[in-house]
């Protein structure tokens, strides 16, 4: 008897991914934390992979499903390379393939529980798309998954909407993405300050080494004790409650 095991719910998960276009390419970035339930268990996990010569895939959600998807795309790229016909899959073609695969698995009641940001640059054209576990797929100039949909999108709209990205260089684009990741680290309890960037340009595609964000925790109010904040004594002062209700 063949036993088929499905992922019934996401357990080992990664949080937000940010993706943006700029005038010379595409940036996809996220932190390296993967949580096991409520425990921040795996702090050095790669959630961005390269597919072929020109495409990047960043994943939110169940990490084991992302690993299965990564193996599938490696096989796809290997078959593409074996053709030796002088062409390779474009980012749009890879995104379409992944979207149809996600829809097929959802229809078979065996979804991969991921939200994906897929992007790349080929022949001087930028491509950026969103794909989720239901097979929903669409293109956009800037994207965020997870809590980033709520926290980072306002920052991205302000900087990239209405074609602003077409005049933005890499340094400026990285600064905005860095700002989004820093905000997510402060506000999302499952996010980490250790982040990873990946870029696709006319020079090729590269997944950079992770680094730690510069964060600030020394605001004068934060440095005060509970007694200083309450202005009194007793149990409420010890835990920092304001006794002047």
C-alpha atoms as a PDB file:
ATOM      1  CA  UNK A   1       0.000   0.000   0.000  1.00  0.00           C
ATOM      2  CA  UNK A   2       1.312   3.446  -0.950  1.00  0.00           C
ATOM      3  CA  UNK A   3       1.136   5.987   1.850  1.00  0.00           C
ATOM      4  CA  UNK A   4       0.897   9.612   0.683  1.00  0.00           C
ATOM      5  CA  UNK A   5       1.865  12.156   3.311  1.00  0.00           C
ATOM      6  CA  UNK A   6       0.704  15.752   2.896  1.00  0.00           C
ATOM      7  CA  UNK A   7       1.670  18.899   4.748  1.00  0.00           C
ATOM      8  CA  UNK A   8      -1.542  19.498   6.675  1.00  0.00           C
ATOM      9  CA  UNK A   9      -0.513  22.867   8.092  1.00  0.00           C
ATOM     10  CA  UNK A  10       2.559  25.134   8.068  1.00  0.00           C
ATOM     11  CA  UNK A  11       4.740  24.559  11.142  1.00  0.00           C
ATOM     12  CA  UNK A  12       8.325  25.450  10.232  1.00  0.00           C
ATOM     13  CA  UNK A  13       7.844  28.826   8.586  1.00  0.00           C
ATOM     14  CA  UNK A  14       9.647  31.930   7.396  1.00  0.00           C
ATOM     15  CA  UNK A  15       8.118  35.387   7.374  1.00  0.00           C
ATOM     16  CA  UNK A  16       8.082  38.342   4.949  1.00  0.00           C
ATOM     17  CA  UNK A  17       9.868  38.678   1.600  1.00  0.00           C
ATOM     18  CA  UNK A  18      10.322  42.032  -0.169  1.00  0.00           C
ATOM     19  CA  UNK A  19      10.705  42.377  -3.949  1.00  0.00           C
ATOM     20  CA  UNK A  20      11.226  45.563  -5.984  1.00  0.00           C
ATOM     21  CA  UNK A  21      12.166  46.674  -9.461  1.00  0.00           C
ATOM     22  CA  UNK A  22      14.687  49.453 -10.052  1.00  0.00           C
ATOM     23  CA  UNK A  23      16.040  50.893 -13.268  1.00  0.00           C
ATOM     24  CA  UNK A  24      18.858  48.355 -13.693  1.00  0.00           C
ATOM     25  CA  UNK A  25      17.325  45.193 -12.277  1.00  0.00           C
ATOM     26  CA  UNK A  26      15.343  43.478  -9.519  1.00  0.00           C
ATOM     27  CA  UNK A  27      16.008  43.085  -5.790  1.00  0.00           C
ATOM     28  CA  UNK A  28      14.515  40.348  -3.615  1.00  0.00           C
ATOM     29  CA  UNK A  29      15.319  40.345   0.103  1.00  0.00           C
ATOM     30  CA  UNK A  30      14.230  38.726   3.373  1.00  0.00           C
ATOM     31  CA  UNK A  31      15.559  37.750   6.767  1.00  0.00           C
ATOM     32  CA  UNK A  32      17.096  34.342   7.482  1.00  0.00           C
ATOM     33  CA  UNK A  33      14.910  33.262  10.401  1.00  0.00           C
ATOM     34  CA  UNK A  34      12.712  30.176  10.250  1.00  0.00           C
ATOM     35  CA  UNK A  35      10.414  29.605  13.226  1.00  0.00           C
ATOM     36  CA  UNK A  36       9.243  26.243  14.527  1.00  0.00           C
ATOM     37  CA  UNK A  37       5.780  27.104  15.798  1.00  0.00           C
ATOM     38  CA  UNK A  38       6.362  29.934  18.265  1.00  0.00           C
ATOM     39  CA  UNK A  39      10.078  29.187  18.632  1.00  0.00           C
ATOM     40  CA  UNK A  40      12.683  31.088  16.584  1.00  0.00           C
ATOM     41  CA  UNK A  41      14.615  27.910  15.928  1.00  0.00           C
ATOM     42  CA  UNK A  42      16.628  28.197  12.693  1.00  0.00           C
ATOM     43  CA  UNK A  43      18.328  31.629  12.422  1.00  0.00           C
ATOM     44  CA  UNK A  44      20.526  30.966   9.364  1.00  0.00           C
ATOM     45  CA  UNK A  45      18.103  29.592   6.789  1.00  0.00           C
ATOM     46  CA  UNK A  46      18.269  30.658   3.153  1.00  0.00           C
ATOM     47  CA  UNK A  47      14.826  31.607   1.814  1.00  0.00           C
ATOM     48  CA  UNK A  48      15.938  32.865  -1.604  1.00  0.00           C
ATOM     49  CA  UNK A  49      17.101  30.579  -4.395  1.00  0.00           C
ATOM     50  CA  UNK A  50      18.385  31.144  -7.910  1.00  0.00           C
ATOM     51  CA  UNK A  51      16.690  29.382 -10.810  1.00  0.00           C
ATOM     52  CA  UNK A  52      18.568  29.292 -14.094  1.00  0.00           C
ATOM     53  CA  UNK A  53      20.660  32.256 -15.138  1.00  0.00           C
ATOM     54  CA  UNK A  54      18.206  35.105 -14.627  1.00  0.00           C
ATOM     55  CA  UNK A  55      15.565  34.237 -12.020  1.00  0.00           C
ATOM     56  CA  UNK A  56      15.256  34.545  -8.231  1.00  0.00           C
ATOM     57  CA  UNK A  57      12.604  32.997  -5.975  1.00  0.00           C
ATOM     58  CA  UNK A  58      11.986  34.169  -2.400  1.00  0.00           C
ATOM     59  CA  UNK A  59       9.607  32.261  -0.133  1.00  0.00           C
ATOM     60  CA  UNK A  60       7.384  32.941   2.863  1.00  0.00           C
ATOM     61  CA  UNK A  61       5.671  30.060   4.633  1.00  0.00           C
ATOM     62  CA  UNK A  62       6.439  26.378   5.169  1.00  0.00           C
ATOM     63  CA  UNK A  63      10.175  25.846   4.713  1.00  0.00           C
ATOM     64  CA  UNK A  64       9.981  22.169   3.753  1.00  0.00           C
ATOM     65  CA  UNK A  65       7.586  23.042   0.929  1.00  0.00           C
ATOM     66  CA  UNK A  66      10.027  25.697  -0.283  1.00  0.00           C
ATOM     67  CA  UNK A  67      12.790  23.069  -0.271  1.00  0.00           C
ATOM     68  CA  UNK A  68      10.596  20.776  -2.394  1.00  0.00           C
ATOM     69  CA  UNK A  69       9.921  23.650  -4.795  1.00  0.00           C
ATOM     70  CA  UNK A  70      13.646  24.432  -4.970  1.00  0.00           C
ATOM     71  CA  UNK A  71      14.419  20.831  -5.951  1.00  0.00           C
ATOM     72  CA  UNK A  72      11.694  20.947  -8.616  1.00  0.00           C
ATOM     73  CA  UNK A  73      13.088  24.146 -10.151  1.00  0.00           C
ATOM     74  CA  UNK A  74      16.599  22.674 -10.131  1.00  0.00           C
ATOM     75  CA  UNK A  75      15.271  19.738 -12.183  1.00  0.00           C
ATOM     76  CA  UNK A  76      13.472  22.148 -14.515  1.00  0.00           C
ATOM     77  CA  UNK A  77      16.651  24.140 -15.088  1.00  0.00           C
ATOM     78  CA  UNK A  78      18.700  20.973 -15.640  1.00  0.00           C
ATOM     79  CA  UNK A  79      16.282  19.768 -18.317  1.00  0.00           C
ATOM     80  CA  UNK A  80      16.415  23.223 -19.920  1.00  0.00           C
ATOM     81  CA  UNK A  81      20.226  23.127 -19.973  1.00  0.00           C
ATOM     82  CA  UNK A  82      20.285  19.641 -21.523  1.00  0.00           C
ATOM     83  CA  UNK A  83      18.498  20.950 -24.621  1.00  0.00           C
ATOM     84  CA  UNK A  84      21.634  22.900 -25.651  1.00  0.00           C
ATOM     85  CA  UNK A  85      19.534  25.064 -27.948  1.00  0.00           C
ATOM     86  CA  UNK A  86      21.119  28.383 -27.003  1.00  0.00           C
ATOM     87  CA  UNK A  87      18.127  29.621 -24.980  1.00  0.00           C
ATOM     88  CA  UNK A  88      17.179  29.426 -21.313  1.00  0.00           C
ATOM     89  CA  UNK A  89      13.891  29.939 -19.521  1.00  0.00           C
ATOM     90  CA  UNK A  90      12.982  33.558 -18.831  1.00  0.00           C
ATOM     91  CA  UNK A  91      11.792  34.762 -15.391  1.00  0.00           C
ATOM     92  CA  UNK A  92       8.256  35.045 -16.812  1.00  0.00           C
ATOM     93  CA  UNK A  93       8.304  31.425 -18.018  1.00  0.00           C
ATOM     94  CA  UNK A  94       9.592  30.126 -14.689  1.00  0.00           C
ATOM     95  CA  UNK A  95       6.982  32.151 -12.801  1.00  0.00           C
ATOM     96  CA  UNK A  96       4.215  30.761 -15.028  1.00  0.00           C
ATOM     97  CA  UNK A  97       5.468  27.210 -14.475  1.00  0.00           C
ATOM     98  CA  UNK A  98       5.541  27.657 -10.687  1.00  0.00           C
ATOM     99  CA  UNK A  99       2.096  29.262 -10.699  1.00  0.00           C
ATOM    100  CA  UNK A 100       0.573  26.336 -12.607  1.00  0.00           C
ATOM    101  CA  UNK A 101       2.377  23.853 -10.337  1.00  0.00           C
ATOM    102  CA  UNK A 102       0.998  25.565  -7.220  1.00  0.00           C
ATOM    103  CA  UNK A 103      -2.508  25.560  -8.693  1.00  0.00           C
ATOM    104  CA  UNK A 104      -2.209  21.859  -9.591  1.00  0.00           C
ATOM    105  CA  UNK A 105      -1.107  20.912  -6.076  1.00  0.00           C
ATOM    106  CA  UNK A 106      -3.879  22.988  -4.542  1.00  0.00           C
ATOM    107  CA  UNK A 107      -6.430  21.265  -6.824  1.00  0.00           C
ATOM    108  CA  UNK A 108      -5.098  17.880  -5.654  1.00  0.00           C
ATOM    109  CA  UNK A 109      -5.612  18.937  -2.009  1.00  0.00           C
ATOM    110  CA  UNK A 110      -1.852  18.814  -1.415  1.00  0.00           C
ATOM    111  CA  UNK A 111      -0.705  22.447  -1.563  1.00  0.00           C
ATOM    112  CA  UNK A 112       2.724  23.858  -0.911  1.00  0.00           C
ATOM    113  CA  UNK A 113       2.035  26.438   1.802  1.00  0.00           C
ATOM    114  CA  UNK A 114       4.100  29.298   0.416  1.00  0.00           C
ATOM    115  CA  UNK A 115       3.808  32.860  -0.803  1.00  0.00           C
ATOM    116  CA  UNK A 116       6.509  33.472  -3.401  1.00  0.00           C
ATOM    117  CA  UNK A 117       8.181  36.537  -4.881  1.00  0.00           C
ATOM    118  CA  UNK A 118       9.674  35.657  -8.279  1.00  0.00           C
ATOM    119  CA  UNK A 119      11.790  38.111 -10.206  1.00  0.00           C
ATOM    120  CA  UNK A 120      14.616  38.601 -12.656  1.00  0.00           C
ATOM    121  CA  UNK A 121      16.011  40.601 -15.535  1.00  0.00           C
ATOM    122  CA  UNK A 122      16.619  39.340 -19.056  1.00  0.00           C
ATOM    123  CA  UNK A 123      17.178  41.158 -22.360  1.00  0.00           C
ATOM    124  CA  UNK A 124      17.035  44.496 -20.558  1.00  0.00           C
ATOM    125  CA  UNK A 125      13.553  43.892 -19.110  1.00  0.00           C
ATOM    126  CA  UNK A 126      12.642  43.589 -15.431  1.00  0.00           C
ATOM    127  CA  UNK A 127      10.104  41.036 -14.239  1.00  0.00           C
ATOM    128  CA  UNK A 128       8.545  40.685 -10.775  1.00  0.00           C
ATOM    129  CA  UNK A 129       5.602  38.470  -9.802  1.00  0.00           C
ATOM    130  CA  UNK A 130       3.700  37.083  -6.827  1.00  0.00           C
ATOM    131  CA  UNK A 131       2.571  33.438  -6.604  1.00  0.00           C
ATOM    132  CA  UNK A 132       0.836  31.798  -3.637  1.00  0.00           C
ATOM    133  CA  UNK A 133      -0.260  28.329  -2.504  1.00  0.00           C
ATOM    134  CA  UNK A 134      -3.553  28.619  -4.406  1.00  0.00           C
ATOM    135  CA  UNK A 135      -1.845  29.362  -7.705  1.00  0.00           C
ATOM    136  CA  UNK A 136      -2.746  33.077  -7.629  1.00  0.00           C
ATOM    137  CA  UNK A 137      -0.251  34.866  -9.861  1.00  0.00           C
ATOM    138  CA  UNK A 138       0.202  38.509 -10.858  1.00  0.00           C
ATOM    139  CA  UNK A 139       2.933  40.942 -11.849  1.00  0.00           C
ATOM    140  CA  UNK A 140       3.794  44.137  -9.966  1.00  0.00           C
ATOM    141  CA  UNK A 141       6.557  46.746  -9.651  1.00  0.00           C
ATOM    142  CA  UNK A 142       6.977  46.090  -5.904  1.00  0.00           C
ATOM    143  CA  UNK A 143       5.798  43.244  -3.674  1.00  0.00           C
ATOM    144  CA  UNK A 144       5.772  42.071  -0.084  1.00  0.00           C
ATOM    145  CA  UNK A 145       4.529  38.848   1.514  1.00  0.00           C
ATOM    146  CA  UNK A 146       3.544  37.937   5.072  1.00  0.00           C
ATOM    147  CA  UNK A 147       3.384  40.848   7.529  1.00  0.00           C
ATOM    148  CA  UNK A 148       5.177  42.873   4.872  1.00  0.00           C
ATOM    149  CA  UNK A 149       1.833  43.159   3.062  1.00  0.00           C
ATOM    150  CA  UNK A 150       0.630  45.315   5.952  1.00  0.00           C
ATOM    151  CA  UNK A 151       3.806  46.993   7.230  1.00  0.00           C
ATOM    152  CA  UNK A 152       6.113  47.394   4.233  1.00  0.00           C
ATOM    153  CA  UNK A 153       3.703  48.131   1.379  1.00  0.00           C
ATOM    154  CA  UNK A 154       3.070  51.780   2.466  1.00  0.00           C
ATOM    155  CA  UNK A 155       6.822  52.465   2.321  1.00  0.00           C
ATOM    156  CA  UNK A 156       7.128  50.707  -1.039  1.00  0.00           C
ATOM    157  CA  UNK A 157       4.172  52.636  -2.474  1.00  0.00           C
ATOM    158  CA  UNK A 158       5.697  55.932  -1.455  1.00  0.00           C
ATOM    159  CA  UNK A 159       8.998  55.137  -3.183  1.00  0.00           C
ATOM    160  CA  UNK A 160       8.131  52.898  -6.164  1.00  0.00           C
ATOM    161  CA  UNK A 161       4.552  53.659  -7.259  1.00  0.00           C
ATOM    162  CA  UNK A 162       3.689  55.328 -10.575  1.00  0.00           C
ATOM    163  CA  UNK A 163       6.905  54.198 -12.254  1.00  0.00           C
ATOM    164  CA  UNK A 164       9.271  55.925  -9.806  1.00  0.00           C
ATOM    165  CA  UNK A 165      11.454  52.818  -9.875  1.00  0.00           C
ATOM    166  CA  UNK A 166      12.418  53.550 -13.493  1.00  0.00           C
ATOM    167  CA  UNK A 167      14.736  56.357 -12.346  1.00  0.00           C
ATOM    168  CA  UNK A 168      15.943  54.722  -9.113  1.00  0.00           C
ATOM    169  CA  UNK A 169      19.472  53.298  -8.912  1.00  0.00           C
ATOM    170  CA  UNK A 170      20.540  50.228  -6.958  1.00  0.00           C
ATOM    171  CA  UNK A 171      21.789  52.166  -3.935  1.00  0.00           C
ATOM    172  CA  UNK A 172      18.472  53.973  -3.460  1.00  0.00           C
ATOM    173  CA  UNK A 173      16.427  50.806  -3.991  1.00  0.00           C
ATOM    174  CA  UNK A 174      18.516  48.880  -1.468  1.00  0.00           C
ATOM    175  CA  UNK A 175      18.082  51.675   1.081  1.00  0.00           C
ATOM    176  CA  UNK A 176      14.272  51.451   0.830  1.00  0.00           C
ATOM    177  CA  UNK A 177      14.281  47.639   1.078  1.00  0.00           C
ATOM    178  CA  UNK A 178      16.664  47.867   4.034  1.00  0.00           C
ATOM    179  CA  UNK A 179      14.208  50.269   5.707  1.00  0.00           C
ATOM    180  CA  UNK A 180      11.346  47.798   5.161  1.00  0.00           C
ATOM    181  CA  UNK A 181      13.315  44.888   6.626  1.00  0.00           C
ATOM    182  CA  UNK A 182      14.295  46.985   9.638  1.00  0.00           C
ATOM    183  CA  UNK A 183      10.649  47.911  10.274  1.00  0.00           C
ATOM    184  CA  UNK A 184       9.646  44.243  10.002  1.00  0.00           C
ATOM    185  CA  UNK A 185      12.347  43.263  12.487  1.00  0.00           C
ATOM    186  CA  UNK A 186      11.009  45.802  14.988  1.00  0.00           C
ATOM    187  CA  UNK A 187       7.339  44.909  14.494  1.00  0.00           C
ATOM    188  CA  UNK A 188       7.175  41.219  13.493  1.00  0.00           C
ATOM    189  CA  UNK A 189       8.044  38.863  16.357  1.00  0.00           C
ATOM    190  CA  UNK A 190       9.048  36.113  13.890  1.00  0.00           C
ATOM    191  CA  UNK A 191      11.511  38.307  11.943  1.00  0.00           C
ATOM    192  CA  UNK A 192      15.276  38.545  12.406  1.00  0.00           C
ATOM    193  CA  UNK A 193      17.803  41.373  12.008  1.00  0.00           C
ATOM    194  CA  UNK A 194      19.970  39.050   9.901  1.00  0.00           C
ATOM    195  CA  UNK A 195      18.921  39.604   6.281  1.00  0.00           C
ATOM    196  CA  UNK A 196      19.880  38.489   2.783  1.00  0.00           C
ATOM    197  CA  UNK A 197      19.676  40.365  -0.530  1.00  0.00           C
ATOM    198  CA  UNK A 198      19.578  38.905  -4.036  1.00  0.00           C
ATOM    199  CA  UNK A 199      19.890  40.875  -7.278  1.00  0.00           C
ATOM    200  CA  UNK A 200      19.236  40.169 -10.935  1.00  0.00           C
ATOM    201  CA  UNK A 201      20.814  42.580 -13.431  1.00  0.00           C
ATOM    202  CA  UNK A 202      22.225  42.529 -16.954  1.00  0.00           C
ATOM    203  CA  UNK A 203      25.488  41.283 -15.392  1.00  0.00           C
ATOM    204  CA  UNK A 204      23.761  38.189 -14.012  1.00  0.00           C
ATOM    205  CA  UNK A 205      22.061  36.971 -10.865  1.00  0.00           C
ATOM    206  CA  UNK A 206      23.634  36.833  -7.421  1.00  0.00           C
ATOM    207  CA  UNK A 207      22.419  35.810  -3.963  1.00  0.00           C
ATOM    208  CA  UNK A 208      24.520  37.779  -1.494  1.00  0.00           C
ATOM    209  CA  UNK A 209      25.789  36.634   1.891  1.00  0.00           C
ATOM    210  CA  UNK A 210      23.539  37.520   4.861  1.00  0.00           C
ATOM    211  CA  UNK A 211      24.386  40.460   7.105  1.00  0.00           C
ATOM    212  CA  UNK A 212      22.961  42.041  10.268  1.00  0.00           C
ATOM    213  CA  UNK A 213      20.917  45.230  10.090  1.00  0.00           C
ATOM    214  CA  UNK A 214      22.007  48.232  12.100  1.00  0.00           C
ATOM    215  CA  UNK A 215      19.309  48.591  14.747  1.00  0.00           C
ATOM    216  CA  UNK A 216      18.680  51.141  17.506  1.00  0.00           C
ATOM    217  CA  UNK A 217      17.494  50.270  21.015  1.00  0.00           C
ATOM    218  CA  UNK A 218      18.787  53.209  23.075  1.00  0.00           C
ATOM    219  CA  UNK A 219      15.936  55.687  22.954  1.00  0.00           C
ATOM    220  CA  UNK A 220      15.997  57.567  26.301  1.00  0.00           C
ATOM    221  CA  UNK A 221      12.538  56.283  27.296  1.00  0.00           C
ATOM    222  CA  UNK A 222      13.557  52.670  26.649  1.00  0.00           C
ATOM    223  CA  UNK A 223      16.614  53.042  28.884  1.00  0.00           C
ATOM    224  CA  UNK A 224      14.565  54.024  31.964  1.00  0.00           C
ATOM    225  CA  UNK A 225      13.684  51.546  34.675  1.00  0.00           C
ATOM    226  CA  UNK A 226      10.133  50.620  35.615  1.00  0.00           C
ATOM    227  CA  UNK A 227      10.337  52.835  38.694  1.00  0.00           C
ATOM    228  CA  UNK A 228      11.441  55.824  36.598  1.00  0.00           C
ATOM    229  CA  UNK A 229       8.558  55.354  34.203  1.00  0.00           C
ATOM    230  CA  UNK A 230       5.910  55.008  36.949  1.00  0.00           C
ATOM    231  CA  UNK A 231       7.223  57.809  39.140  1.00  0.00           C
ATOM    232  CA  UNK A 232       6.289  55.808  42.239  1.00  0.00           C
ATOM    233  CA  UNK A 233       7.000  52.711  44.272  1.00  0.00           C
ATOM    234  CA  UNK A 234       5.398  49.371  44.901  1.00  0.00           C
ATOM    235  CA  UNK A 235       4.446  46.478  42.644  1.00  0.00           C
ATOM    236  CA  UNK A 236       3.269  48.648  39.732  1.00  0.00           C
ATOM    237  CA  UNK A 237       6.528  50.580  39.758  1.00  0.00           C
ATOM    238  CA  UNK A 238       8.541  47.361  39.752  1.00  0.00           C
ATOM    239  CA  UNK A 239       6.868  46.087  36.573  1.00  0.00           C
ATOM    240  CA  UNK A 240       6.652  49.485  34.925  1.00  0.00           C
ATOM    241  CA  UNK A 241       2.899  50.180  35.081  1.00  0.00           C
ATOM    242  CA  UNK A 242       1.664  53.742  35.041  1.00  0.00           C
ATOM    243  CA  UNK A 243      -0.187  54.197  38.337  1.00  0.00           C
ATOM    244  CA  UNK A 244      -1.876  57.436  37.217  1.00  0.00           C
ATOM    245  CA  UNK A 245      -4.860  55.765  35.470  1.00  0.00           C
END
